[in-house]
PDB file of N, CA and C in Angstrom:
ATOM      1  N   HIS A   1     106.340 117.867 102.096  1.00  0.00           N
ATOM      2  CA  HIS A   1     106.420 119.263 101.287  1.00  0.00           C
ATOM      3  C   HIS A   1     108.123 119.330 100.807  1.00  0.00           C
ATOM      4  N   GLY A   2     108.463 119.680  99.601  1.00  0.00           N
ATOM      5  CA  GLY A   2     109.568 119.818  99.135  1.00  0.00           C
ATOM      6  C   GLY A   2     109.755 120.865  98.104  1.00  0.00           C
ATOM      7  N   THR A   3     110.909 121.186  97.440  1.00  0.00           N
ATOM      8  CA  THR A   3     111.222 122.110  96.636  1.00  0.00           C
ATOM      9  C   THR A   3     110.535 122.017  95.344  1.00  0.00           C
ATOM     10  N   LYS A   4     110.202 120.639  95.123  1.00  0.00           N
ATOM     11  CA  LYS A   4     109.687 120.370  93.792  1.00  0.00           C
ATOM     12  C   LYS A   4     108.000 120.006  93.862  1.00  0.00           C
ATOM     13  N   GLY A   5     107.623 119.976  95.070  1.00  0.00           N
ATOM     14  CA  GLY A   5     106.166 119.499  95.013  1.00  0.00           C
ATOM     15  C   GLY A   5     105.935 118.656  96.467  1.00  0.00           C
ATOM     16  N   THR A   6     104.844 117.914  96.736  1.00  0.00           N
ATOM     17  CA  THR A   6     104.406 117.266  97.709  1.00  0.00           C
ATOM     18  C   THR A   6     104.120 115.624  97.500  1.00  0.00           C
ATOM     19  N   VAL A   7     104.674 114.815  98.316  1.00  0.00           N
ATOM     20  CA  VAL A   7     104.251 113.658  98.421  1.00  0.00           C
ATOM     21  C   VAL A   7     103.519 113.205  99.620  1.00  0.00           C
ATOM     22  N   LEU A   8     102.341 112.432  99.199  1.00  0.00           N
ATOM     23  CA  LEU A   8     101.294 111.897 100.285  1.00  0.00           C
ATOM     24  C   LEU A   8     101.695 110.444 100.314  1.00  0.00           C
ATOM     25  N   VAL A   9     101.965 110.227 101.561  1.00  0.00           N
ATOM     26  CA  VAL A   9     102.143 108.336 101.803  1.00  0.00           C
ATOM     27  C   VAL A   9     101.407 108.088 102.726  1.00  0.00           C
ATOM     28  N   ASP A  10     100.725 106.932 102.523  1.00  0.00           N
ATOM     29  CA  ASP A  10      99.947 106.158 103.447  1.00  0.00           C
ATOM     30  C   ASP A  10     100.406 104.607 103.288  1.00  0.00           C
ATOM     31  N   ARG A  11      99.835 103.856 104.095  1.00  0.00           N
ATOM     32  CA  ARG A  11      99.989 102.382 104.020  1.00  0.00           C
ATOM     33  C   ARG A  11      99.424 101.699 102.643  1.00  0.00           C
ATOM     34  N   GLY A  12      98.605 102.404 101.795  1.00  0.00           N
ATOM     35  CA  GLY A  12      97.964 101.853 100.867  1.00  0.00           C
ATOM     36  C   GLY A  12      98.812 102.519  99.819  1.00  0.00           C
ATOM     37  N   GLY A  13      99.574 103.390  99.624  1.00  0.00           N
ATOM     38  CA  GLY A  13     100.104 103.844  98.296  1.00  0.00           C
ATOM     39  C   GLY A  13     100.897 105.238  98.595  1.00  0.00           C
ATOM     40  N   TYR A  14     100.728 105.849  97.434  1.00  0.00           N
ATOM     41  CA  TYR A  14     101.443 107.407  97.683  1.00  0.00           C
ATOM     42  C   TYR A  14     100.626 108.046  96.512  1.00  0.00           C
ATOM     43  N   GLN A  15     100.782 109.328  96.562  1.00  0.00           N
ATOM     44  CA  GLN A  15     100.482 110.538  95.641  1.00  0.00           C
ATOM     45  C   GLN A  15     101.465 111.407  95.692  1.00  0.00           C
ATOM     46  N   VAL A  16     101.750 111.849  94.308  1.00  0.00           N
ATOM     47  CA  VAL A  16     103.021 112.900  94.220  1.00  0.00           C
ATOM     48  C   VAL A  16     102.083 114.208  93.313  1.00  0.00           C
ATOM     49  N   PHE A  17     102.384 115.294  93.986  1.00  0.00           N
ATOM     50  CA  PHE A  17     101.779 116.512  93.320  1.00  0.00           C
ATOM     51  C   PHE A  17     102.801 117.726  93.262  1.00  0.00           C
ATOM     52  N   SER A  18     102.676 118.308  91.958  1.00  0.00           N
ATOM     53  CA  SER A  18     103.479 119.249  91.700  1.00  0.00           C
ATOM     54  C   SER A  18     103.267 120.518  92.319  1.00  0.00           C
ATOM     55  N   LEU A  19     104.325 121.643  92.273  1.00  0.00           N
ATOM     56  CA  LEU A  19     104.175 122.770  93.093  1.00  0.00           C
ATOM     57  C   LEU A  19     103.009 123.420  92.684  1.00  0.00           C
ATOM     58  N   ASP A  20     102.266 123.226  91.525  1.00  0.00           N
ATOM     59  CA  ASP A  20     100.906 123.782  91.382  1.00  0.00           C
ATOM     60  C   ASP A  20      99.632 122.954  91.676  1.00  0.00           C
ATOM     61  N   ASP A  21     100.100 122.000  92.471  1.00  0.00           N
ATOM     62  CA  ASP A  21      98.965 121.129  93.060  1.00  0.00           C
ATOM     63  C   ASP A  21      98.389 120.280  92.042  1.00  0.00           C
ATOM     64  N   LYS A  22      99.055 119.872  91.052  1.00  0.00           N
ATOM     65  CA  LYS A  22      98.700 118.837  89.910  1.00  0.00           C
ATOM     66  C   LYS A  22      99.095 117.554  90.233  1.00  0.00           C
ATOM     67  N   LYS A  23      98.326 116.382  90.507  1.00  0.00           N
ATOM     68  CA  LYS A  23      98.825 115.046  90.712  1.00  0.00           C
ATOM     69  C   LYS A  23      99.742 114.717  89.330  1.00  0.00           C
ATOM     70  N   THR A  24     100.717 114.309  89.860  1.00  0.00           N
ATOM     71  CA  THR A  24     101.648 113.827  88.709  1.00  0.00           C
ATOM     72  C   THR A  24     102.245 112.256  88.671  1.00  0.00           C
ATOM     73  N   GLU A  25     101.918 111.606  89.802  1.00  0.00           N
ATOM     74  CA  GLU A  25     102.356 110.141  89.985  1.00  0.00           C
ATOM     75  C   GLU A  25     101.248 109.747  91.100  1.00  0.00           C
ATOM     76  N   GLU A  26     100.948 108.419  90.919  1.00  0.00           N
ATOM     77  CA  GLU A  26     100.054 107.794  91.930  1.00  0.00           C
ATOM     78  C   GLU A  26     100.314 106.209  91.902  1.00  0.00           C
ATOM     79  N   PHE A  27     100.434 105.748  93.255  1.00  0.00           N
ATOM     80  CA  PHE A  27     100.648 104.203  93.555  1.00  0.00           C
ATOM     81  C   PHE A  27      99.515 104.026  94.440  1.00  0.00           C
ATOM     82  N   ASP A  28      98.730 102.857  94.105  1.00  0.00           N
ATOM     83  CA  ASP A  28      97.769 102.413  94.930  1.00  0.00           C
ATOM     84  C   ASP A  28      98.009 100.726  95.098  1.00  0.00           C
ATOM     85  N   THR A  29      98.151 100.122  96.203  1.00  0.00           N
ATOM     86  CA  THR A  29      98.299  98.777  96.227  1.00  0.00           C
ATOM     87  C   THR A  29      96.937  98.074  96.114  1.00  0.00           C
ATOM     88  N   SER A  30      95.897  98.750  96.001  1.00  0.00           N
ATOM     89  CA  SER A  30      94.616  98.323  95.782  1.00  0.00           C
ATOM     90  C   SER A  30      94.398  97.232  97.195  1.00  0.00           C
ATOM     91  N   LYS A  31      95.053  97.543  98.149  1.00  0.00           N
ATOM     92  CA  LYS A  31      94.753  96.636  99.323  1.00  0.00           C
ATOM     93  C   LYS A  31      94.151  97.689 100.509  1.00  0.00           C
ATOM     94  N   LYS A  32      93.299  97.558 100.964  1.00  0.00           N
ATOM     95  CA  LYS A  32      92.701  98.591 102.107  1.00  0.00           C
ATOM     96  C   LYS A  32      93.496  98.187 103.410  1.00  0.00           C
ATOM     97  N   THR A  33      93.864  99.409 103.987  1.00  0.00           N
ATOM     98  CA  THR A  33      94.500  99.081 105.142  1.00  0.00           C
ATOM     99  C   THR A  33      94.104 100.348 106.091  1.00  0.00           C
ATOM    100  N   THR A  34      94.451 100.187 107.363  1.00  0.00           N
ATOM    101  CA  THR A  34      93.855 101.329 108.332  1.00  0.00           C
ATOM    102  C   THR A  34      95.336 101.808 109.021  1.00  0.00           C
ATOM    103  N   THR A  35      95.293 103.351 108.988  1.00  0.00           N
ATOM    104  CA  THR A  35      96.449 103.587 109.759  1.00  0.00           C
ATOM    105  C   THR A  35      96.549 103.258 111.246  1.00  0.00           C
ATOM    106  N   GLN A  36      95.551 102.968 111.768  1.00  0.00           N
ATOM    107  CA  GLN A  36      95.297 102.529 113.293  1.00  0.00           C
ATOM    108  C   GLN A  36      95.756 100.826 113.376  1.00  0.00           C
ATOM    109  N   ASP A  37      96.446 100.489 112.174  1.00  0.00           N
ATOM    110  CA  ASP A  37      96.834  99.067 112.317  1.00  0.00           C
ATOM    111  C   ASP A  37      98.529  99.360 112.661  1.00  0.00           C
ATOM    112  N   LEU A  38      98.890  98.930 113.839  1.00  0.00           N
ATOM    113  CA  LEU A  38     100.069  99.175 114.216  1.00  0.00           C
ATOM    114  C   LEU A  38     100.959  98.144 114.119  1.00  0.00           C
ATOM    115  N   ILE A  39     100.535  97.106 113.499  1.00  0.00           N
ATOM    116  CA  ILE A  39     101.679  95.908 113.428  1.00  0.00           C
ATOM    117  C   ILE A  39     102.536  96.064 112.332  1.00  0.00           C
ATOM    118  N   GLY A  40     102.406  96.933 111.502  1.00  0.00           N
ATOM    119  CA  GLY A  40     103.359  97.310 110.433  1.00  0.00           C
ATOM    120  C   GLY A  40     103.405  96.453 109.102  1.00  0.00           C
ATOM    121  N   MET A  41     102.770  95.381 108.920  1.00  0.00           N
ATOM    122  CA  MET A  41     102.806  94.327 107.826  1.00  0.00           C
ATOM    123  C   MET A  41     101.780  94.945 106.858  1.00  0.00           C
ATOM    124  N   ASP A  42     101.608  96.177 106.706  1.00  0.00           N
ATOM    125  CA  ASP A  42     100.727  96.574 105.414  1.00  0.00           C
ATOM    126  C   ASP A  42     101.440  96.376 104.122  1.00  0.00           C
ATOM    127  N   SER A  43     100.486  96.567 103.050  1.00  0.00           N
ATOM    128  CA  SER A  43     101.067  96.276 101.771  1.00  0.00           C
ATOM    129  C   SER A  43     101.997  96.983 101.175  1.00  0.00           C
ATOM    130  N   MET A  44     102.111  98.152 101.819  1.00  0.00           N
ATOM    131  CA  MET A  44     103.458  98.950 101.144  1.00  0.00           C
ATOM    132  C   MET A  44     104.691  98.339 101.741  1.00  0.00           C
ATOM    133  N   THR A  45     104.509  97.989 103.210  1.00  0.00           N
ATOM    134  CA  THR A  45     105.664  97.342 103.742  1.00  0.00           C
ATOM    135  C   THR A  45     106.154  96.056 103.121  1.00  0.00           C
ATOM    136  N   ILE A  46     105.332  95.271 102.866  1.00  0.00           N
ATOM    137  CA  ILE A  46     105.527  94.050 102.164  1.00  0.00           C
ATOM    138  C   ILE A  46     106.016  94.108 100.858  1.00  0.00           C
ATOM    139  N   LEU A  47     105.522  95.078  99.995  1.00  0.00           N
ATOM    140  CA  LEU A  47     106.358  95.302  98.714  1.00  0.00           C
ATOM    141  C   LEU A  47     107.741  95.866  98.875  1.00  0.00           C
ATOM    142  N   HIS A  48     108.067  96.619  99.944  1.00  0.00           N
ATOM    143  CA  HIS A  48     109.291  97.209 100.122  1.00  0.00           C
ATOM    144  C   HIS A  48     110.447  95.894 100.691  1.00  0.00           C
ATOM    145  N   PHE A  49     109.870  95.318 101.518  1.00  0.00           N
ATOM    146  CA  PHE A  49     110.582  94.035 101.825  1.00  0.00           C
ATOM    147  C   PHE A  49     110.989  93.017 100.789  1.00  0.00           C
ATOM    148  N   GLN A  50     109.823  92.813  99.949  1.00  0.00           N
ATOM    149  CA  GLN A  50     110.148  92.002  98.609  1.00  0.00           C
ATOM    150  C   GLN A  50     111.109  92.493  97.607  1.00  0.00           C
ATOM    151  N   ASN A  51     110.981  93.816  97.556  1.00  0.00           N
ATOM    152  CA  ASN A  51     111.940  94.376  96.541  1.00  0.00           C
ATOM    153  C   ASN A  51     113.315  94.378  97.265  1.00  0.00           C
ATOM    154  N   PHE A  52     113.533  94.537  98.486  1.00  0.00           N
ATOM    155  CA  PHE A  52     114.910  94.337  99.061  1.00  0.00           C
ATOM    156  C   PHE A  52     115.406  92.936  99.189  1.00  0.00           C
ATOM    157  N   ILE A  53     114.533  92.024  99.309  1.00  0.00           N
ATOM    158  CA  ILE A  53     115.114  90.574  99.214  1.00  0.00           C
ATOM    159  C   ILE A  53     115.399  90.270  97.693  1.00  0.00           C
ATOM    160  N   ASN A  54     114.590  90.757  96.688  1.00  0.00           N
ATOM    161  CA  ASN A  54     114.944  90.540  95.311  1.00  0.00           C
ATOM    162  C   ASN A  54     116.320  91.214  95.079  1.00  0.00           C
ATOM    163  N   GLY A  55     116.423  92.297  95.676  1.00  0.00           N
ATOM    164  CA  GLY A  55     117.830  92.877  95.221  1.00  0.00           C
ATOM    165  C   GLY A  55     119.047  92.055  95.800  1.00  0.00           C
ATOM    166  N   ILE A  56     118.776  91.364  96.881  1.00  0.00           N
ATOM    167  CA  ILE A  56     119.870  90.611  97.459  1.00  0.00           C
ATOM    168  C   ILE A  56     120.088  89.211  96.587  1.00  0.00           C
ATOM    169  N   ARG A  57     118.826  88.652  96.449  1.00  0.00           N
ATOM    170  CA  ARG A  57     118.797  87.254  95.674  1.00  0.00           C
ATOM    171  C   ARG A  57     118.787  87.258  94.177  1.00  0.00           C
ATOM    172  N   LYS A  58     118.332  88.363  93.568  1.00  0.00           N
ATOM    173  CA  LYS A  58     118.003  88.300  92.064  1.00  0.00           C
ATOM    174  C   LYS A  58     118.775  89.612  91.632  1.00  0.00           C
ATOM    175  N   ASN A  59     119.672  90.498  92.495  1.00  0.00           N
ATOM    176  CA  ASN A  59     120.329  91.515  91.700  1.00  0.00           C
ATOM    177  C   ASN A  59     119.192  92.694  91.261  1.00  0.00           C
ATOM    178  N   GLU A  60     118.026  92.722  91.827  1.00  0.00           N
ATOM    179  CA  GLU A  60     117.086  93.493  91.163  1.00  0.00           C
ATOM    180  C   GLU A  60     117.464  94.937  91.765  1.00  0.00           C
ATOM    181  N   LYS A  61     117.116  95.729  90.988  1.00  0.00           N
ATOM    182  CA  LYS A  61     117.212  97.299  91.281  1.00  0.00           C
ATOM    183  C   LYS A  61     116.527  97.669  92.523  1.00  0.00           C
ATOM    184  N   LEU A  62     116.799  98.204  93.441  1.00  0.00           N
ATOM    185  CA  LEU A  62     116.276  98.665  94.704  1.00  0.00           C
ATOM    186  C   LEU A  62     115.384  99.931  94.424  1.00  0.00           C
ATOM    187  N   HIS A  63     113.982  99.925  94.687  1.00  0.00           N
ATOM    188  CA  HIS A  63     113.141 101.201  94.600  1.00  0.00           C
ATOM    189  C   HIS A  63     113.835 102.252  95.224  1.00  0.00           C
ATOM    190  N   SER A  64     114.395 102.151  96.491  1.00  0.00           N
ATOM    191  CA  SER A  64     114.879 103.015  97.319  1.00  0.00           C
ATOM    192  C   SER A  64     116.616 102.636  97.487  1.00  0.00           C
ATOM    193  N   PRO A  65     117.266 103.323  97.087  1.00  0.00           N
ATOM    194  CA  PRO A  65     118.978 102.867  97.079  1.00  0.00           C
ATOM    195  C   PRO A  65     119.140 102.974  98.452  1.00  0.00           C
ATOM    196  N   ILE A  66     120.205 102.327  99.164  1.00  0.00           N
ATOM    197  CA  ILE A  66     120.638 102.257 100.173  1.00  0.00           C
ATOM    198  C   ILE A  66     121.053 103.618 100.848  1.00  0.00           C
ATOM    199  N   ASN A  67     121.799 104.473 100.163  1.00  0.00           N
ATOM    200  CA  ASN A  67     122.280 105.608 100.400  1.00  0.00           C
ATOM    201  C   ASN A  67     120.875 106.765 100.808  1.00  0.00           C
ATOM    202  N   GLU A  68     119.879 106.522 100.053  1.00  0.00           N
ATOM    203  CA  GLU A  68     118.535 107.350 100.497  1.00  0.00           C
ATOM    204  C   GLU A  68     117.905 106.851 101.559  1.00  0.00           C
ATOM    205  N   GLY A  69     117.646 105.400 101.514  1.00  0.00           N
ATOM    206  CA  GLY A  69     117.222 104.929 102.744  1.00  0.00           C
ATOM    207  C   GLY A  69     117.888 105.378 104.079  1.00  0.00           C
ATOM    208  N   ASN A  70     119.202 105.599 103.948  1.00  0.00           N
ATOM    209  CA  ASN A  70     119.986 105.888 105.231  1.00  0.00           C
ATOM    210  C   ASN A  70     119.512 107.456 105.535  1.00  0.00           C
ATOM    211  N   ILE A  71     119.356 108.315 104.676  1.00  0.00           N
ATOM    212  CA  ILE A  71     118.943 109.525 105.061  1.00  0.00           C
ATOM    213  C   ILE A  71     117.595 109.518 105.793  1.00  0.00           C
ATOM    214  N   SER A  72     116.805 108.749 105.079  1.00  0.00           N
ATOM    215  CA  SER A  72     115.465 108.702 105.487  1.00  0.00           C
ATOM    216  C   SER A  72     115.540 108.345 106.943  1.00  0.00           C
ATOM    217  N   VAL A  73     116.251 107.151 107.233  1.00  0.00           N
ATOM    218  CA  VAL A  73     116.077 106.400 108.399  1.00  0.00           C
ATOM    219  C   VAL A  73     116.945 107.468 109.536  1.00  0.00           C
ATOM    220  N   THR A  74     117.891 107.841 109.097  1.00  0.00           N
ATOM    221  CA  THR A  74     118.682 108.853 109.980  1.00  0.00           C
ATOM    222  C   THR A  74     117.901 110.159 110.536  1.00  0.00           C
ATOM    223  N   ILE A  75     117.165 110.780 109.708  1.00  0.00           N
ATOM    224  CA  ILE A  75     116.231 111.979 109.898  1.00  0.00           C
ATOM    225  C   ILE A  75     115.254 111.312 110.830  1.00  0.00           C
ATOM    226  N   LEU A  76     114.720 110.155 110.792  1.00  0.00           N
ATOM    227  CA  LEU A  76     113.583 109.636 111.518  1.00  0.00           C
ATOM    228  C   LEU A  76     114.165 109.424 112.967  1.00  0.00           C
ATOM    229  N   GLN A  77     115.244 108.675 112.902  1.00  0.00           N
ATOM    230  CA  GLN A  77     115.785 108.531 114.302  1.00  0.00           C
ATOM    231  C   GLN A  77     116.218 109.671 115.015  1.00  0.00           C
ATOM    232  N   LEU A  78     116.820 110.655 114.180  1.00  0.00           N
ATOM    233  CA  LEU A  78     117.325 111.909 115.313  1.00  0.00           C
ATOM    234  C   LEU A  78     116.004 112.694 115.751  1.00  0.00           C
ATOM    235  N   SER A  79     114.955 112.714 114.621  1.00  0.00           N
ATOM    236  CA  SER A  79     113.586 113.284 115.167  1.00  0.00           C
ATOM    237  C   SER A  79     113.199 112.704 116.215  1.00  0.00           C
ATOM    238  N   ASN A  80     113.116 111.365 116.204  1.00  0.00           N
ATOM    239  CA  ASN A  80     112.596 110.603 117.625  1.00  0.00           C
ATOM    240  C   ASN A  80     113.628 110.944 118.956  1.00  0.00           C
ATOM    241  N   ILE A  81     114.802 110.919 118.827  1.00  0.00           N
ATOM    242  CA  ILE A  81     115.636 111.422 119.854  1.00  0.00           C
ATOM    243  C   ILE A  81     115.424 112.824 120.419  1.00  0.00           C
ATOM    244  N   ALA A  82     115.005 113.841 119.408  1.00  0.00           N
ATOM    245  CA  ALA A  82     114.890 115.086 119.880  1.00  0.00           C
ATOM    246  C   ALA A  82     113.615 115.093 120.477  1.00  0.00           C
ATOM    247  N   TRP A  83     112.605 114.474 119.954  1.00  0.00           N
ATOM    248  CA  TRP A  83     111.245 114.337 120.703  1.00  0.00           C
ATOM    249  C   TRP A  83     111.433 113.814 121.974  1.00  0.00           C
ATOM    250  N   LYS A  84     112.096 112.756 122.232  1.00  0.00           N
ATOM    251  CA  LYS A  84     112.042 112.324 123.565  1.00  0.00           C
ATOM    252  C   LYS A  84     112.751 112.964 124.541  1.00  0.00           C
ATOM    253  N   PHE A  85     113.413 113.783 124.143  1.00  0.00           N
ATOM    254  CA  PHE A  85     114.177 114.858 125.163  1.00  0.00           C
ATOM    255  C   PHE A  85     113.629 116.365 125.019  1.00  0.00           C
ATOM    256  N   ASP A  86     112.858 116.392 124.105  1.00  0.00           N
ATOM    257  CA  ASP A  86     112.026 117.780 123.865  1.00  0.00           C
ATOM    258  C   ASP A  86     113.072 118.957 123.916  1.00  0.00           C
ATOM    259  N   ARG A  87     114.072 118.779 123.032  1.00  0.00           N
ATOM    260  CA  ARG A  87     115.151 119.796 122.694  1.00  0.00           C
ATOM    261  C   ARG A  87     115.701 119.379 121.372  1.00  0.00           C
ATOM    262  N   VAL A  88     116.294 120.455 120.930  1.00  0.00           N
ATOM    263  CA  VAL A  88     117.032 120.764 119.750  1.00  0.00           C
ATOM    264  C   VAL A  88     118.385 119.891 119.774  1.00  0.00           C
ATOM    265  N   LEU A  89     118.729 118.969 118.979  1.00  0.00           N
ATOM    266  CA  LEU A  89     119.954 118.343 118.921  1.00  0.00           C
ATOM    267  C   LEU A  89     121.070 119.075 117.949  1.00  0.00           C
ATOM    268  N   ASN A  90     122.494 119.159 118.449  1.00  0.00           N
ATOM    269  CA  ASN A  90     123.282 119.948 117.573  1.00  0.00           C
ATOM    270  C   ASN A  90     124.235 118.763 116.892  1.00  0.00           C
ATOM    271  N   LEU A  91     124.301 118.712 115.584  1.00  0.00           N
ATOM    272  CA  LEU A  91     125.077 117.631 115.069  1.00  0.00           C
ATOM    273  C   LEU A  91     126.134 117.892 114.496  1.00  0.00           C
ATOM    274  N   ASP A  92     127.302 117.124 114.423  1.00  0.00           N
ATOM    275  CA  ASP A  92     128.289 117.143 113.578  1.00  0.00           C
ATOM    276  C   ASP A  92     128.040 117.211 111.963  1.00  0.00           C
ATOM    277  N   ASN A  93     128.286 118.206 111.127  1.00  0.00           N
ATOM    278  CA  ASN A  93     127.584 118.029 109.892  1.00  0.00           C
ATOM    279  C   ASN A  93     128.480 116.785 109.090  1.00  0.00           C
ATOM    280  N   LYS A  94     129.684 116.659 109.319  1.00  0.00           N
ATOM    281  CA  LYS A  94     130.108 115.566 108.586  1.00  0.00           C
ATOM    282  C   LYS A  94     129.758 114.032 108.974  1.00  0.00           C
ATOM    283  N   THR A  95     129.713 113.942 110.183  1.00  0.00           N
ATOM    284  CA  THR A  95     129.541 112.565 110.868  1.00  0.00           C
ATOM    285  C   THR A  95     127.915 112.279 111.153  1.00  0.00           C
ATOM    286  N   GLY A  96     127.221 113.403 111.455  1.00  0.00           N
ATOM    287  CA  GLY A  96     125.677 113.317 111.832  1.00  0.00           C
ATOM    288  C   GLY A  96     125.746 112.919 113.334  1.00  0.00           C
ATOM    289  N   HIS A  97     126.947 112.873 114.080  1.00  0.00           N
ATOM    290  CA  HIS A  97     126.820 112.522 115.526  1.00  0.00           C
ATOM    291  C   HIS A  97     126.167 113.714 116.138  1.00  0.00           C
ATOM    292  N   ILE A  98     125.577 113.260 117.280  1.00  0.00           N
ATOM    293  CA  ILE A  98     125.038 114.373 118.284  1.00  0.00           C
ATOM    294  C   ILE A  98     126.264 114.751 119.061  1.00  0.00           C
ATOM    295  N   LEU A  99     126.147 116.156 119.241  1.00  0.00           N
ATOM    296  CA  LEU A  99     127.343 117.059 119.919  1.00  0.00           C
ATOM    297  C   LEU A  99     126.820 117.636 121.278  1.00  0.00           C
ATOM    298  N   ASN A 100     127.518 117.285 122.250  1.00  0.00           N
ATOM    299  CA  ASN A 100     127.468 118.085 123.540  1.00  0.00           C
ATOM    300  C   ASN A 100     126.214 117.601 124.296  1.00  0.00           C
ATOM    301  N   ASP A 101     125.716 116.480 124.231  1.00  0.00           N
ATOM    302  CA  ASP A 101     124.512 115.976 124.843  1.00  0.00           C
ATOM    303  C   ASP A 101     124.750 114.405 124.817  1.00  0.00           C
ATOM    304  N   ASN A 102     125.151 113.982 126.032  1.00  0.00           N
ATOM    305  CA  ASN A 102     125.622 112.414 126.379  1.00  0.00           C
ATOM    306  C   ASN A 102     124.405 111.771 126.482  1.00  0.00           C
ATOM    307  N   GLU A 103     123.374 112.345 126.962  1.00  0.00           N
ATOM    308  CA  GLU A 103     122.050 111.729 127.151  1.00  0.00           C
ATOM    309  C   GLU A 103     121.272 111.196 126.033  1.00  0.00           C
ATOM    310  N   ALA A 104     121.255 112.234 125.014  1.00  0.00           N
ATOM    311  CA  ALA A 104     120.709 112.036 123.726  1.00  0.00           C
ATOM    312  C   ALA A 104     121.555 111.017 122.953  1.00  0.00           C
ATOM    313  N   ALA A 105     122.896 111.177 123.176  1.00  0.00           N
ATOM    314  CA  ALA A 105     123.712 110.409 122.215  1.00  0.00           C
ATOM    315  C   ALA A 105     123.796 108.883 122.500  1.00  0.00           C
ATOM    316  N   LYS A 106     123.390 108.511 123.675  1.00  0.00           N
ATOM    317  CA  LYS A 106     123.440 107.219 124.065  1.00  0.00           C
ATOM    318  C   LYS A 106     122.125 106.275 123.094  1.00  0.00           C
ATOM    319  N   TYR A 107     121.416 107.392 122.424  1.00  0.00           N
ATOM    320  CA  TYR A 107     120.140 106.695 121.712  1.00  0.00           C
ATOM    321  C   TYR A 107     120.718 106.660 120.269  1.00  0.00           C
ATOM    322  N   TRP A 108     121.799 107.409 120.042  1.00  0.00           N
ATOM    323  CA  TRP A 108     122.220 107.185 118.940  1.00  0.00           C
ATOM    324  C   TRP A 108     123.397 106.169 118.650  1.00  0.00           C
ATOM    325  N   ARG A 109     123.918 105.402 119.729  1.00  0.00           N
ATOM    326  CA  ARG A 109     125.083 104.422 119.375  1.00  0.00           C
ATOM    327  C   ARG A 109     124.369 102.891 119.919  1.00  0.00           C
ATOM    328  N   ARG A 110     125.135 102.030 119.615  1.00  0.00           N
ATOM    329  CA  ARG A 110     124.495 100.503 119.886  1.00  0.00           C
ATOM    330  C   ARG A 110     126.025  99.691 120.386  1.00  0.00           C
ATOM    331  N   GLU A 111     125.764  98.786 121.163  1.00  0.00           N
ATOM    332  CA  GLU A 111     126.913  97.981 121.506  1.00  0.00           C
ATOM    333  C   GLU A 111     126.748  96.550 120.626  1.00  0.00           C
ATOM    334  N   TYR A 112     127.842  96.412 120.248  1.00  0.00           N
ATOM    335  CA  TYR A 112     127.997  95.212 119.214  1.00  0.00           C
ATOM    336  C   TYR A 112     128.279  93.995 120.085  1.00  0.00           C
ATOM    337  N   GLU A 113     127.958  92.805 119.691  1.00  0.00           N
ATOM    338  CA  GLU A 113     128.337  91.399 120.223  1.00  0.00           C
ATOM    339  C   GLU A 113     129.913  91.416 119.742  1.00  0.00           C
ATOM    340  N   LYS A 114     130.682  90.777 120.534  1.00  0.00           N
ATOM    341  CA  LYS A 114     132.262  90.833 120.204  1.00  0.00           C
ATOM    342  C   LYS A 114     132.301  89.849 118.830  1.00  0.00           C
ATOM    343  N   GLY A 115     133.103  90.372 117.873  1.00  0.00           N
ATOM    344  CA  GLY A 115     133.178  90.008 116.589  1.00  0.00           C
ATOM    345  C   GLY A 115     132.131  90.425 115.430  1.00  0.00           C
ATOM    346  N   TRP A 116     131.204  91.104 116.076  1.00  0.00           N
ATOM    347  CA  TRP A 116     130.128  91.665 115.026  1.00  0.00           C
ATOM    348  C   TRP A 116     129.927  92.949 115.081  1.00  0.00           C
ATOM    349  N   GLU A 117     131.357  93.651 115.135  1.00  0.00           N
ATOM    350  CA  GLU A 117     131.284  95.025 115.127  1.00  0.00           C
ATOM    351  C   GLU A 117     131.569  95.413 113.789  1.00  0.00           C
ATOM    352  N   PRO A 118     130.815  96.618 113.214  1.00  0.00           N
ATOM    353  CA  PRO A 118     131.208  96.945 111.595  1.00  0.00           C
ATOM    354  C   PRO A 118     132.550  97.292 111.547  1.00  0.00           C
ATOM    355  N   LYS A 119     133.264  96.888 110.427  1.00  0.00           N
ATOM    356  CA  LYS A 119     134.303  97.357 110.045  1.00  0.00           C
ATOM    357  C   LYS A 119     133.962  98.429 108.937  1.00  0.00           C
ATOM    358  N   ILE A 120     134.551  99.690 109.354  1.00  0.00           N
ATOM    359  CA  ILE A 120     134.171 101.062 108.633  1.00  0.00           C
ATOM    360  C   ILE A 120     135.649 101.487 108.197  1.00  0.00           C
TER     361      ILE A 120
END
């Protein structure tokens, strides 16, 4: 749910509803999947991967720009960490880093092999 409506997403597509509950958009992969299929290679995932690869190889516009994808993934990662430790996480508003919780912060970092560290 959001300020402009609701989006329902499953492995077979999505539906968008306005605030007055009218369907405004729909995408159906026409491929039947089950939410109990935990391997993750459903038709939506395949389409997402294909678009990403085409963005690299063919300069195709991404359906989900990197900066928007980063927000989604960051929220999920922080939610998983908070759920794992069953507590609220305090974050630095500018960096998104977890504050005053070294145990939880360990799940926010990664160690890189020498020479593969990101240069930011």
